Structure formats: structure tokens, C-alpha cells
Protein backbone atom coordinates (compact mmCIF):
# COMPACT_ATOMS: atom_id res chain seq x y z
CA MET A 1 2.30 -0.42 -28.57
CA ASN A 2 2.20 3.52 -28.87
CA GLN A 3 0.27 3.42 -32.40
CA TRP A 4 -2.58 1.39 -30.92
CA LEU A 5 -2.51 3.71 -28.12
CA GLN A 6 -2.24 7.05 -30.02
CA ASP A 7 -6.02 6.31 -31.55
CA PHE A 8 -7.55 6.52 -28.66
CA ALA A 9 -9.54 10.21 -28.22
CA TYR A 10 -8.19 10.83 -24.60
CA ARG A 11 -4.89 10.64 -23.66
CA ILE A 12 -2.65 11.72 -20.66
CA ASP A 13 1.64 12.06 -21.08
CA ILE A 14 2.11 9.87 -17.95
CA GLN A 15 5.53 11.32 -15.79
CA TRP A 16 8.07 9.93 -13.31
CA TRP A 17 6.69 11.46 -10.64
CA MET A 18 3.41 9.66 -10.64
CA PHE A 19 4.99 6.04 -10.34
CA ALA A 20 6.77 7.46 -7.27
CA VAL A 21 4.14 9.03 -5.85
CA ALA A 22 2.57 5.78 -6.11
CA GLY A 23 5.09 3.63 -4.99
CA ILE A 24 5.93 5.80 -1.77
CA ALA A 25 2.22 5.84 -1.07
CA ALA A 26 2.12 2.24 -1.27
CA PHE A 27 5.08 2.01 0.93
CA ALA A 28 3.40 4.19 3.54
CA ILE A 29 0.57 2.09 3.41
CA ALA A 30 2.41 -0.91 4.12
CA LEU A 31 4.28 0.68 6.90
CA LEU A 32 1.43 2.07 8.94
CA THR A 33 -0.75 -1.31 8.81
CA VAL A 34 2.98 -3.33 9.94
CA SER A 35 3.11 -0.91 12.48
CA VAL A 36 -0.49 -0.75 13.58
CA GLN A 37 -0.56 -4.74 13.99
CA ALA A 38 3.04 -5.03 15.95
CA MET A 39 1.56 -2.31 18.33
CA ARG A 40 -1.08 -4.49 18.10
CA SER A 41 0.08 -7.91 19.29
CA ALA A 42 2.68 -6.06 21.53
CA THR A 43 0.09 -4.56 23.97
CA THR A 44 -2.16 -7.78 23.95
CA ASN A 45 -2.10 -9.70 27.08
CA PRO A 46 -0.66 -13.19 25.89
CA VAL A 47 -2.73 -14.98 29.30
CA GLU A 48 -6.37 -13.92 27.41
CA SER A 49 -5.15 -15.80 24.47
CA LEU A 50 -4.32 -18.94 25.87
CA ARG A 51 -6.89 -18.53 27.91
CA SER A 52 -9.54 -19.00 25.15
CA GLU A 53 -7.76 -21.91 23.50
């Protein structure tokens, strides 16, 4: 695999911190999404959702 990748004209070195930043960013996005959905469902009046069904 490394020999095949060496044939490309443009190469970059991938450092360990790039994976860490990507993992932290994915975790933060997931946490934000879950938090927003939890707050939205916690503040919704259940009577209004039952009334529409």
C-alpha cells in the first residue's frame, strides 16, 4: 500500500493529532445534536402532540 501511495505526485504526512481533532469534532457534533433534540422534546407540550393524533 505504501509503495502504491508513493507513486502519487502530491503527498502529505498524516499526523496523529488530525485523527484526534476529527474524533473530537464528531463527538461534539453528536453531543450538540442529542442535546438540542432532548431540549426540544423536554420543552414540548405533550397535550399538543396528542391532540393532533
